[in-house]
Amino acid sequence: RILLSAGPAVLTPDLGRYNFDEERVLVDSQVRLTAADGYRMTASGVAVNLSDKTMVGSGGVQGEIPAGTFSANTLRADLNARTVTLEGNARLRMVPGRMQIPQ
């Protein structure tokens, strides 16, 4: 569990390594992120920095937000700010009228 500015979120890796000194979790398998406000993503080959609440991944990502779905080869995410940068075969499908700006 991780506390974000918009509420709690749960990171669920299949298998990972935690570096206590750097406060980083390295996950070679998939990790699932589920936030309290409906944001969800699954990524592979990621590193999660728990101190600054960022995540980078190079093994593919797919996710769902209240306004649609997305996928890409790589990602960089600031979990607190709710920003995700998708690179490589990036796809985004938005549902008109469903966009919600986090408060």
PDB file of N, CA and C in Angstrom:
ATOM      1  N   ARG A   1       0.848  -1.180   0.000  1.00  0.00           N
ATOM      2  CA  ARG A   1       0.000   0.000   0.000  1.00  0.00           C
ATOM      3  C   ARG A   1       0.882   1.227   0.000  1.00  0.00           C
ATOM      4  N   ILE A   2       0.371   2.253  -0.705  1.00  0.00           N
ATOM      5  CA  ILE A   2       1.094   3.507  -0.797  1.00  0.00           C
ATOM      6  C   ILE A   2       0.066   4.638  -0.685  1.00  0.00           C
ATOM      7  N   LEU A   3       0.387   5.667   0.075  1.00  0.00           N
ATOM      8  CA  LEU A   3      -0.533   6.781   0.254  1.00  0.00           C
ATOM      9  C   LEU A   3      -0.192   7.867  -0.753  1.00  0.00           C
ATOM     10  N   LEU A   4      -1.151   8.187  -1.620  1.00  0.00           N
ATOM     11  CA  LEU A   4      -0.995   9.230  -2.619  1.00  0.00           C
ATOM     12  C   LEU A   4      -1.827  10.436  -2.215  1.00  0.00           C
ATOM     13  N   SER A   5      -1.611  11.564  -2.881  1.00  0.00           N
ATOM     14  CA  SER A   5      -2.352  12.782  -2.531  1.00  0.00           C
ATOM     15  C   SER A   5      -3.859  12.610  -2.746  1.00  0.00           C
ATOM     16  N   ALA A   6      -4.286  11.756  -3.687  1.00  0.00           N
ATOM     17  CA  ALA A   6      -5.712  11.530  -3.956  1.00  0.00           C
ATOM     18  C   ALA A   6      -6.282  10.357  -3.159  1.00  0.00           C
ATOM     19  N   GLY A   7      -5.483   9.773  -2.266  1.00  0.00           N
ATOM     20  CA  GLY A   7      -5.944   8.645  -1.463  1.00  0.00           C
ATOM     21  C   GLY A   7      -5.011   7.454  -1.595  1.00  0.00           C
ATOM     22  N   PRO A   8      -5.355   6.348  -0.975  1.00  0.00           N
ATOM     23  CA  PRO A   8      -4.472   5.185  -0.990  1.00  0.00           C
ATOM     24  C   PRO A   8      -4.481   4.466  -2.336  1.00  0.00           C
ATOM     25  N   ALA A   9      -3.387   3.757  -2.593  1.00  0.00           N
ATOM     26  CA  ALA A   9      -3.274   2.910  -3.777  1.00  0.00           C
ATOM     27  C   ALA A   9      -2.597   1.615  -3.342  1.00  0.00           C
ATOM     28  N   VAL A  10      -2.795   0.571  -4.129  1.00  0.00           N
ATOM     29  CA  VAL A  10      -2.196  -0.729  -3.827  1.00  0.00           C
ATOM     30  C   VAL A  10      -1.340  -1.140  -5.011  1.00  0.00           C
ATOM     31  N   LEU A  11      -0.080  -1.460  -4.740  1.00  0.00           N
ATOM     32  CA  LEU A  11       0.828  -2.020  -5.726  1.00  0.00           C
ATOM     33  C   LEU A  11       0.947  -3.506  -5.437  1.00  0.00           C
ATOM     34  N   THR A  12       0.651  -4.344  -6.428  1.00  0.00           N
ATOM     35  CA  THR A  12       0.667  -5.790  -6.227  1.00  0.00           C
ATOM     36  C   THR A  12       1.601  -6.432  -7.244  1.00  0.00           C
ATOM     37  N   PRO A  13       2.842  -6.714  -6.850  1.00  0.00           N
ATOM     38  CA  PRO A  13       3.750  -7.403  -7.764  1.00  0.00           C
ATOM     39  C   PRO A  13       3.634  -8.917  -7.595  1.00  0.00           C
ATOM     40  N   ASP A  14       3.892  -9.647  -8.686  1.00  0.00           N
ATOM     41  CA  ASP A  14       3.961 -11.098  -8.574  1.00  0.00           C
ATOM     42  C   ASP A  14       5.209 -11.496  -7.807  1.00  0.00           C
ATOM     43  N   LEU A  15       6.308 -10.798  -8.088  1.00  0.00           N
ATOM     44  CA  LEU A  15       7.591 -11.084  -7.445  1.00  0.00           C
ATOM     45  C   LEU A  15       8.448  -9.834  -7.575  1.00  0.00           C
ATOM     46  N   GLY A  16       9.088  -9.410  -6.495  1.00  0.00           N
ATOM     47  CA  GLY A  16       9.896  -8.196  -6.570  1.00  0.00           C
ATOM     48  C   GLY A  16      10.996  -8.193  -5.533  1.00  0.00           C
ATOM     49  N   ARG A  17      11.913  -7.228  -5.691  1.00  0.00           N
ATOM     50  CA  ARG A  17      13.023  -7.055  -4.753  1.00  0.00           C
ATOM     51  C   ARG A  17      12.951  -5.637  -4.197  1.00  0.00           C
ATOM     52  N   TYR A  18      13.058  -5.510  -2.874  1.00  0.00           N
ATOM     53  CA  TYR A  18      12.990  -4.200  -2.235  1.00  0.00           C
ATOM     54  C   TYR A  18      14.376  -3.789  -1.790  1.00  0.00           C
ATOM     55  N   ASN A  19      14.805  -2.571  -2.211  1.00  0.00           N
ATOM     56  CA  ASN A  19      16.075  -2.007  -1.794  1.00  0.00           C
ATOM     57  C   ASN A  19      15.774  -1.006  -0.675  1.00  0.00           C
ATOM     58  N   PHE A  20      16.125  -1.366   0.553  1.00  0.00           N
ATOM     59  CA  PHE A  20      15.809  -0.532   1.713  1.00  0.00           C
ATOM     60  C   PHE A  20      16.519   0.816   1.656  1.00  0.00           C
ATOM     61  N   ASP A  21      17.766   0.841   1.205  1.00  0.00           N
ATOM     62  CA  ASP A  21      18.529   2.090   1.176  1.00  0.00           C
ATOM     63  C   ASP A  21      17.947   3.095   0.193  1.00  0.00           C
ATOM     64  N   GLU A  22      17.514   2.633  -0.972  1.00  0.00           N
ATOM     65  CA  GLU A  22      16.985   3.520  -2.004  1.00  0.00           C
ATOM     66  C   GLU A  22      15.462   3.631  -1.970  1.00  0.00           C
ATOM     67  N   GLU A  23      14.800   2.849  -1.125  1.00  0.00           N
ATOM     68  CA  GLU A  23      13.333   2.785  -1.053  1.00  0.00           C
ATOM     69  C   GLU A  23      12.735   2.525  -2.438  1.00  0.00           C
ATOM     70  N   ARG A  24      13.306   1.534  -3.131  1.00  0.00           N
ATOM     71  CA  ARG A  24      12.849   1.165  -4.468  1.00  0.00           C
ATOM     72  C   ARG A  24      12.461  -0.300  -4.509  1.00  0.00           C
ATOM     73  N   VAL A  25      11.408  -0.584  -5.261  1.00  0.00           N
ATOM     74  CA  VAL A  25      10.975  -1.955  -5.514  1.00  0.00           C
ATOM     75  C   VAL A  25      11.246  -2.241  -6.987  1.00  0.00           C
ATOM     76  N   LEU A  26      12.009  -3.288  -7.257  1.00  0.00           N
ATOM     77  CA  LEU A  26      12.299  -3.719  -8.624  1.00  0.00           C
ATOM     78  C   LEU A  26      11.462  -4.948  -8.904  1.00  0.00           C
ATOM     79  N   VAL A  27      10.689  -4.899  -9.987  1.00  0.00           N
ATOM     80  CA  VAL A  27       9.760  -5.982 -10.311  1.00  0.00           C
ATOM     81  C   VAL A  27      10.052  -6.458 -11.728  1.00  0.00           C
ATOM     82  N   ASP A  28      10.493  -7.708 -11.867  1.00  0.00           N
ATOM     83  CA  ASP A  28      10.748  -8.272 -13.191  1.00  0.00           C
ATOM     84  C   ASP A  28       9.465  -8.794 -13.825  1.00  0.00           C
ATOM     85  N   SER A  29       8.539  -9.218 -12.996  1.00  0.00           N
ATOM     86  CA  SER A  29       7.260  -9.737 -13.492  1.00  0.00           C
ATOM     87  C   SER A  29       6.264  -8.577 -13.563  1.00  0.00           C
ATOM     88  N   GLN A  30       4.999  -8.870 -13.580  1.00  0.00           N
ATOM     89  CA  GLN A  30       3.971  -7.822 -13.633  1.00  0.00           C
ATOM     90  C   GLN A  30       3.724  -7.208 -12.262  1.00  0.00           C
ATOM     91  N   VAL A  31       3.379  -5.922 -12.271  1.00  0.00           N
ATOM     92  CA  VAL A  31       2.911  -5.233 -11.072  1.00  0.00           C
ATOM     93  C   VAL A  31       1.591  -4.567 -11.429  1.00  0.00           C
ATOM     94  N   ARG A  32       0.640  -4.684 -10.537  1.00  0.00           N
ATOM     95  CA  ARG A  32      -0.670  -4.068 -10.725  1.00  0.00           C
ATOM     96  C   ARG A  32      -0.805  -2.909  -9.742  1.00  0.00           C
ATOM     97  N   LEU A  33      -1.229  -1.761 -10.253  1.00  0.00           N
ATOM     98  CA  LEU A  33      -1.479  -0.585  -9.425  1.00  0.00           C
ATOM     99  C   LEU A  33      -2.968  -0.309  -9.473  1.00  0.00           C
ATOM    100  N   THR A  34      -3.586  -0.227  -8.303  1.00  0.00           N
ATOM    101  CA  THR A  34      -5.004   0.096  -8.193  1.00  0.00           C
ATOM    102  C   THR A  34      -5.136   1.265  -7.230  1.00  0.00           C
ATOM    103  N   ALA A  35      -5.677   2.385  -7.725  1.00  0.00           N
ATOM    104  CA  ALA A  35      -5.844   3.575  -6.896  1.00  0.00           C
ATOM    105  C   ALA A  35      -7.294   3.685  -6.447  1.00  0.00           C
ATOM    106  N   ALA A  36      -7.500   4.424  -5.383  1.00  0.00           N
ATOM    107  CA  ALA A  36      -8.828   4.552  -4.779  1.00  0.00           C
ATOM    108  C   ALA A  36      -9.832   5.238  -5.704  1.00  0.00           C
ATOM    109  N   ASP A  37      -9.349   6.051  -6.651  1.00  0.00           N
ATOM    110  CA  ASP A  37     -10.262   6.812  -7.504  1.00  0.00           C
ATOM    111  C   ASP A  37     -10.504   6.180  -8.876  1.00  0.00           C
ATOM    112  N   GLY A  38     -10.230   4.880  -9.004  1.00  0.00           N
ATOM    113  CA  GLY A  38     -10.572   4.174 -10.235  1.00  0.00           C
ATOM    114  C   GLY A  38      -9.454   4.024 -11.236  1.00  0.00           C
ATOM    115  N   TYR A  39      -8.296   4.546 -10.960  1.00  0.00           N
ATOM    116  CA  TYR A  39      -7.161   4.387 -11.862  1.00  0.00           C
ATOM    117  C   TYR A  39      -6.520   3.019 -11.638  1.00  0.00           C
ATOM    118  N   ARG A  40      -6.260   2.304 -12.756  1.00  0.00           N
ATOM    119  CA  ARG A  40      -5.629   0.989 -12.665  1.00  0.00           C
ATOM    120  C   ARG A  40      -4.626   0.856 -13.790  1.00  0.00           C
ATOM    121  N   MET A  41      -3.508   0.178 -13.516  1.00  0.00           N
ATOM    122  CA  MET A  41      -2.568  -0.146 -14.576  1.00  0.00           C
ATOM    123  C   MET A  41      -1.813  -1.414 -14.224  1.00  0.00           C
ATOM    124  N   THR A  42      -1.372  -2.106 -15.256  1.00  0.00           N
ATOM    125  CA  THR A  42      -0.531  -3.292 -15.121  1.00  0.00           C
ATOM    126  C   THR A  42       0.706  -3.044 -15.967  1.00  0.00           C
ATOM    127  N   ALA A  43       1.889  -3.233 -15.371  1.00  0.00           N
ATOM    128  CA  ALA A  43       3.135  -2.990 -16.086  1.00  0.00           C
ATOM    129  C   ALA A  43       4.124  -4.096 -15.764  1.00  0.00           C
ATOM    130  N   SER A  44       5.084  -4.283 -16.652  1.00  0.00           N
ATOM    131  CA  SER A  44       6.128  -5.291 -16.464  1.00  0.00           C
ATOM    132  C   SER A  44       7.491  -4.626 -16.522  1.00  0.00           C
ATOM    133  N   GLY A  45       8.464  -5.236 -15.828  1.00  0.00           N
ATOM    134  CA  GLY A  45       9.816  -4.708 -15.833  1.00  0.00           C
ATOM    135  C   GLY A  45       9.894  -3.316 -15.259  1.00  0.00           C
ATOM    136  N   VAL A  46       9.341  -3.111 -14.074  1.00  0.00           N
ATOM    137  CA  VAL A  46       9.256  -1.768 -13.506  1.00  0.00           C
ATOM    138  C   VAL A  46      10.133  -1.602 -12.268  1.00  0.00           C
ATOM    139  N   ALA A  47      10.426  -0.336 -11.995  1.00  0.00           N
ATOM    140  CA  ALA A  47      11.059   0.078 -10.754  1.00  0.00           C
ATOM    141  C   ALA A  47      10.149   1.131 -10.144  1.00  0.00           C
ATOM    142  N   VAL A  48       9.783   0.942  -8.891  1.00  0.00           N
ATOM    143  CA  VAL A  48       8.913   1.879  -8.184  1.00  0.00           C
ATOM    144  C   VAL A  48       9.735   2.532  -7.086  1.00  0.00           C
ATOM    145  N   ASN A  49       9.831   3.858  -7.134  1.00  0.00           N
ATOM    146  CA  ASN A  49      10.526   4.610  -6.106  1.00  0.00           C
ATOM    147  C   ASN A  49       9.472   5.043  -5.088  1.00  0.00           C
ATOM    148  N   LEU A  50       9.511   4.451  -3.909  1.00  0.00           N
ATOM    149  CA  LEU A  50       8.491   4.717  -2.903  1.00  0.00           C
ATOM    150  C   LEU A  50       8.651   6.081  -2.246  1.00  0.00           C
ATOM    151  N   SER A  51       9.865   6.627  -2.195  1.00  0.00           N
ATOM    152  CA  SER A  51      10.052   7.922  -1.541  1.00  0.00           C
ATOM    153  C   SER A  51       9.482   9.067  -2.374  1.00  0.00           C
ATOM    154  N   ASP A  52       9.682   9.048  -3.700  1.00  0.00           N
ATOM    155  CA  ASP A  52       9.111  10.128  -4.510  1.00  0.00           C
ATOM    156  C   ASP A  52       7.885   9.690  -5.317  1.00  0.00           C
ATOM    157  N   LYS A  53       7.435   8.460  -5.091  1.00  0.00           N
ATOM    158  CA  LYS A  53       6.199   7.923  -5.683  1.00  0.00           C
ATOM    159  C   LYS A  53       6.206   8.012  -7.209  1.00  0.00           C
ATOM    160  N   THR A  54       7.280   7.493  -7.800  1.00  0.00           N
ATOM    161  CA  THR A  54       7.395   7.424  -9.255  1.00  0.00           C
ATOM    162  C   THR A  54       7.585   5.973  -9.670  1.00  0.00           C
ATOM    163  N   MET A  55       7.280   5.704 -10.938  1.00  0.00           N
ATOM    164  CA  MET A  55       7.422   4.354 -11.461  1.00  0.00           C
ATOM    165  C   MET A  55       7.904   4.455 -12.906  1.00  0.00           C
ATOM    166  N   VAL A  56       8.877   3.631 -13.267  1.00  0.00           N
ATOM    167  CA  VAL A  56       9.330   3.520 -14.654  1.00  0.00           C
ATOM    168  C   VAL A  56       9.238   2.056 -15.041  1.00  0.00           C
ATOM    169  N   GLY A  57       8.907   1.808 -16.295  1.00  0.00           N
ATOM    170  CA  GLY A  57       8.776   0.432 -16.757  1.00  0.00           C
ATOM    171  C   GLY A  57       9.161   0.302 -18.212  1.00  0.00           C
ATOM    172  N   SER A  58       9.782  -0.825 -18.549  1.00  0.00           N
ATOM    173  CA  SER A  58      10.233  -1.039 -19.922  1.00  0.00           C
ATOM    174  C   SER A  58       9.716  -2.349 -20.505  1.00  0.00           C
ATOM    175  N   GLY A  59       8.820  -3.020 -19.823  1.00  0.00           N
ATOM    176  CA  GLY A  59       8.338  -4.314 -20.292  1.00  0.00           C
ATOM    177  C   GLY A  59       6.890  -4.310 -20.742  1.00  0.00           C
ATOM    178  N   GLY A  60       6.351  -3.146 -21.076  1.00  0.00           N
ATOM    179  CA  GLY A  60       4.969  -3.046 -21.521  1.00  0.00           C
ATOM    180  C   GLY A  60       4.052  -2.597 -20.399  1.00  0.00           C
ATOM    181  N   VAL A  61       3.042  -1.817 -20.758  1.00  0.00           N
ATOM    182  CA  VAL A  61       2.083  -1.313 -19.785  1.00  0.00           C
ATOM    183  C   VAL A  61       0.706  -1.262 -20.431  1.00  0.00           C
ATOM    184  N   GLN A  62      -0.296  -1.519 -19.641  1.00  0.00           N
ATOM    185  CA  GLN A  62      -1.677  -1.289 -20.053  1.00  0.00           C
ATOM    186  C   GLN A  62      -2.423  -0.808 -18.820  1.00  0.00           C
ATOM    187  N   GLY A  63      -3.395   0.043 -19.048  1.00  0.00           N
ATOM    188  CA  GLY A  63      -4.106   0.590 -17.908  1.00  0.00           C
ATOM    189  C   GLY A  63      -5.471   1.102 -18.265  1.00  0.00           C
ATOM    190  N   GLU A  64      -6.172   1.521 -17.205  1.00  0.00           N
ATOM    191  CA  GLU A  64      -7.524   2.018 -17.338  1.00  0.00           C
ATOM    192  C   GLU A  64      -7.692   3.189 -16.392  1.00  0.00           C
ATOM    193  N   ILE A  65      -8.269   4.257 -16.916  1.00  0.00           N
ATOM    194  CA  ILE A  65      -8.626   5.411 -16.113  1.00  0.00           C
ATOM    195  C   ILE A  65     -10.131   5.595 -16.280  1.00  0.00           C
ATOM    196  N   PRO A  66     -10.764   6.412 -15.450  1.00  0.00           N
ATOM    197  CA  PRO A  66     -12.212   6.567 -15.595  1.00  0.00           C
ATOM    198  C   PRO A  66     -12.647   7.011 -16.999  1.00  0.00           C
ATOM    199  N   ALA A  67     -11.758   7.657 -17.769  1.00  0.00           N
ATOM    200  CA  ALA A  67     -12.126   8.173 -19.089  1.00  0.00           C
ATOM    201  C   ALA A  67     -11.723   7.260 -20.245  1.00  0.00           C
ATOM    202  N   GLY A  68     -11.073   6.130 -19.996  1.00  0.00           N
ATOM    203  CA  GLY A  68     -10.679   5.264 -21.106  1.00  0.00           C
ATOM    204  C   GLY A  68      -9.559   4.302 -20.750  1.00  0.00           C
ATOM    205  N   THR A  69      -8.844   3.835 -21.791  1.00  0.00           N
ATOM    206  CA  THR A  69      -7.779   2.851 -21.607  1.00  0.00           C
ATOM    207  C   THR A  69      -6.519   3.317 -22.334  1.00  0.00           C
ATOM    208  N   PHE A  70      -5.358   2.736 -21.958  1.00  0.00           N
ATOM    209  CA  PHE A  70      -4.098   3.070 -22.606  1.00  0.00           C
ATOM    210  C   PHE A  70      -3.169   1.865 -22.584  1.00  0.00           C
ATOM    211  N   SER A  71      -2.176   1.889 -23.494  1.00  0.00           N
ATOM    212  CA  SER A  71      -1.136   0.861 -23.518  1.00  0.00           C
ATOM    213  C   SER A  71       0.085   1.435 -24.224  1.00  0.00           C
ATOM    214  N   ALA A  72       1.259   0.854 -23.949  1.00  0.00           N
ATOM    215  CA  ALA A  72       2.509   1.283 -24.579  1.00  0.00           C
ATOM    216  C   ALA A  72       3.612   0.287 -24.236  1.00  0.00           C
ATOM    217  N   ASN A  73       4.751   0.472 -24.896  1.00  0.00           N
ATOM    218  CA  ASN A  73       5.918  -0.375 -24.607  1.00  0.00           C
ATOM    219  C   ASN A  73       6.599   0.026 -23.305  1.00  0.00           C
ATOM    220  N   THR A  74       6.710   1.337 -23.049  1.00  0.00           N
ATOM    221  CA  THR A  74       7.383   1.822 -21.835  1.00  0.00           C
ATOM    222  C   THR A  74       6.557   2.933 -21.191  1.00  0.00           C
ATOM    223  N   LEU A  75       6.863   3.196 -19.927  1.00  0.00           N
ATOM    224  CA  LEU A  75       6.172   4.265 -19.220  1.00  0.00           C
ATOM    225  C   LEU A  75       7.063   4.923 -18.189  1.00  0.00           C
ATOM    226  N   ARG A  76       6.736   6.169 -17.903  1.00  0.00           N
ATOM    227  CA  ARG A  76       7.270   6.893 -16.755  1.00  0.00           C
ATOM    228  C   ARG A  76       6.056   7.511 -16.087  1.00  0.00           C
ATOM    229  N   ALA A  77       5.904   7.300 -14.789  1.00  0.00           N
ATOM    230  CA  ALA A  77       4.711   7.782 -14.091  1.00  0.00           C
ATOM    231  C   ALA A  77       5.079   8.482 -12.797  1.00  0.00           C
ATOM    232  N   ASP A  78       4.422   9.602 -12.547  1.00  0.00           N
ATOM    233  CA  ASP A  78       4.457  10.267 -11.251  1.00  0.00           C
ATOM    234  C   ASP A  78       3.109   9.947 -10.625  1.00  0.00           C
ATOM    235  N   LEU A  79       3.103   9.031  -9.683  1.00  0.00           N
ATOM    236  CA  LEU A  79       1.854   8.515  -9.137  1.00  0.00           C
ATOM    237  C   LEU A  79       1.079   9.568  -8.362  1.00  0.00           C
ATOM    238  N   ASN A  80       1.771  10.448  -7.647  1.00  0.00           N
ATOM    239  CA  ASN A  80       1.097  11.500  -6.883  1.00  0.00           C
ATOM    240  C   ASN A  80       0.464  12.532  -7.801  1.00  0.00           C
ATOM    241  N   ALA A  81       1.176  12.929  -8.841  1.00  0.00           N
ATOM    242  CA  ALA A  81       0.672  13.957  -9.758  1.00  0.00           C
ATOM    243  C   ALA A  81      -0.296  13.386 -10.789  1.00  0.00           C
ATOM    244  N   ARG A  82      -0.406  12.055 -10.851  1.00  0.00           N
ATOM    245  CA  ARG A  82      -1.287  11.382 -11.812  1.00  0.00           C
ATOM    246  C   ARG A  82      -0.868  11.667 -13.255  1.00  0.00           C
ATOM    247  N   THR A  83       0.458  11.677 -13.504  1.00  0.00           N
ATOM    248  CA  THR A  83       0.946  11.847 -14.862  1.00  0.00           C
ATOM    249  C   THR A  83       1.629  10.565 -15.317  1.00  0.00           C
ATOM    250  N   VAL A  84       1.351  10.178 -16.543  1.00  0.00           N
ATOM    251  CA  VAL A  84       1.951   8.984 -17.135  1.00  0.00           C
ATOM    252  C   VAL A  84       2.464   9.360 -18.517  1.00  0.00           C
ATOM    253  N   THR A  85       3.730   9.086 -18.773  1.00  0.00           N
ATOM    254  CA  THR A  85       4.317   9.295 -20.090  1.00  0.00           C
ATOM    255  C   THR A  85       4.454   7.932 -20.749  1.00  0.00           C
ATOM    256  N   LEU A  86       3.805   7.755 -21.896  1.00  0.00           N
ATOM    257  CA  LEU A  86       3.818   6.503 -22.637  1.00  0.00           C
ATOM    258  C   LEU A  86       4.719   6.661 -23.851  1.00  0.00           C
ATOM    259  N   GLU A  87       5.556   5.645 -24.125  1.00  0.00           N
ATOM    260  CA  GLU A  87       6.437   5.681 -25.289  1.00  0.00           C
ATOM    261  C   GLU A  87       6.427   4.325 -25.972  1.00  0.00           C
ATOM    262  N   GLY A  88       6.537   4.328 -27.286  1.00  0.00           N
ATOM    263  CA  GLY A  88       6.608   3.089 -28.062  1.00  0.00           C
ATOM    264  C   GLY A  88       5.258   2.433 -28.227  1.00  0.00           C
ATOM    265  N   ASN A  89       4.689   2.503 -29.409  1.00  0.00           N
ATOM    266  CA  ASN A  89       3.378   1.911 -29.692  1.00  0.00           C
ATOM    267  C   ASN A  89       2.309   2.377 -28.716  1.00  0.00           C
ATOM    268  N   ALA A  90       2.378   3.647 -28.348  1.00  0.00           N
ATOM    269  CA  ALA A  90       1.412   4.194 -27.379  1.00  0.00           C
ATOM    270  C   ALA A  90       0.020   4.249 -27.990  1.00  0.00           C
ATOM    271  N   ARG A  91      -0.947   3.774 -27.238  1.00  0.00           N
ATOM    272  CA  ARG A  91      -2.348   3.779 -27.653  1.00  0.00           C
ATOM    273  C   ARG A  91      -3.174   4.352 -26.508  1.00  0.00           C
ATOM    274  N   LEU A  92      -4.122   5.205 -26.855  1.00  0.00           N
ATOM    275  CA  LEU A  92      -5.002   5.807 -25.865  1.00  0.00           C
ATOM    276  C   LEU A  92      -6.403   5.855 -26.453  1.00  0.00           C
ATOM    277  N   ARG A  93      -7.361   5.332 -25.721  1.00  0.00           N
ATOM    278  CA  ARG A  93      -8.763   5.375 -26.150  1.00  0.00           C
ATOM    279  C   ARG A  93      -9.547   6.101 -25.062  1.00  0.00           C
ATOM    280  N   MET A  94     -10.115   7.251 -25.443  1.00  0.00           N
ATOM    281  CA  MET A  94     -10.866   8.065 -24.499  1.00  0.00           C
ATOM    282  C   MET A  94     -12.356   7.953 -24.805  1.00  0.00           C
ATOM    283  N   VAL A  95     -13.169   7.952 -23.764  1.00  0.00           N
ATOM    284  CA  VAL A  95     -14.623   7.948 -23.894  1.00  0.00           C
ATOM    285  C   VAL A  95     -15.099   9.385 -23.707  1.00  0.00           C
ATOM    286  N   PRO A  96     -15.718   9.991 -24.731  1.00  0.00           N
ATOM    287  CA  PRO A  96     -16.152  11.391 -24.631  1.00  0.00           C
ATOM    288  C   PRO A  96     -17.054  11.629 -23.415  1.00  0.00           C
ATOM    289  N   GLY A  97     -16.784  12.737 -22.721  1.00  0.00           N
ATOM    290  CA  GLY A  97     -17.617  13.129 -21.588  1.00  0.00           C
ATOM    291  C   GLY A  97     -17.285  12.451 -20.279  1.00  0.00           C
ATOM    292  N   ARG A  98     -16.303  11.553 -20.257  1.00  0.00           N
ATOM    293  CA  ARG A  98     -15.984  10.837 -19.011  1.00  0.00           C
ATOM    294  C   ARG A  98     -14.720  11.312 -18.324  1.00  0.00           C
ATOM    295  N   MET A  99     -14.046  12.307 -18.890  1.00  0.00           N
ATOM    296  CA  MET A  99     -12.810  12.808 -18.312  1.00  0.00           C
ATOM    297  C   MET A  99     -13.097  13.484 -16.979  1.00  0.00           C
ATOM    298  N   GLN A 100     -12.368  13.072 -15.945  1.00  0.00           N
ATOM    299  CA  GLN A 100     -12.492  13.662 -14.620  1.00  0.00           C
ATOM    300  C   GLN A 100     -11.120  14.160 -14.212  1.00  0.00           C
ATOM    301  N   ILE A 101     -11.029  15.397 -13.805  1.00  0.00           N
ATOM    302  CA  ILE A 101      -9.781  15.969 -13.346  1.00  0.00           C
ATOM    303  C   ILE A 101      -9.666  15.697 -11.848  1.00  0.00           C
ATOM    304  N   PRO A 102      -8.596  14.967 -11.409  1.00  0.00           N
ATOM    305  CA  PRO A 102      -8.433  14.710  -9.971  1.00  0.00           C
ATOM    306  C   PRO A 102      -8.304  16.023  -9.198  1.00  0.00           C
ATOM    307  N   GLN A 103      -8.916  16.101  -8.048  1.00  0.00           N
ATOM    308  CA  GLN A 103      -8.879  17.308  -7.214  1.00  0.00           C
ATOM    309  C   GLN A 103      -7.648  17.336  -6.350  1.00  0.00           C
TER     310      GLN A 103
END
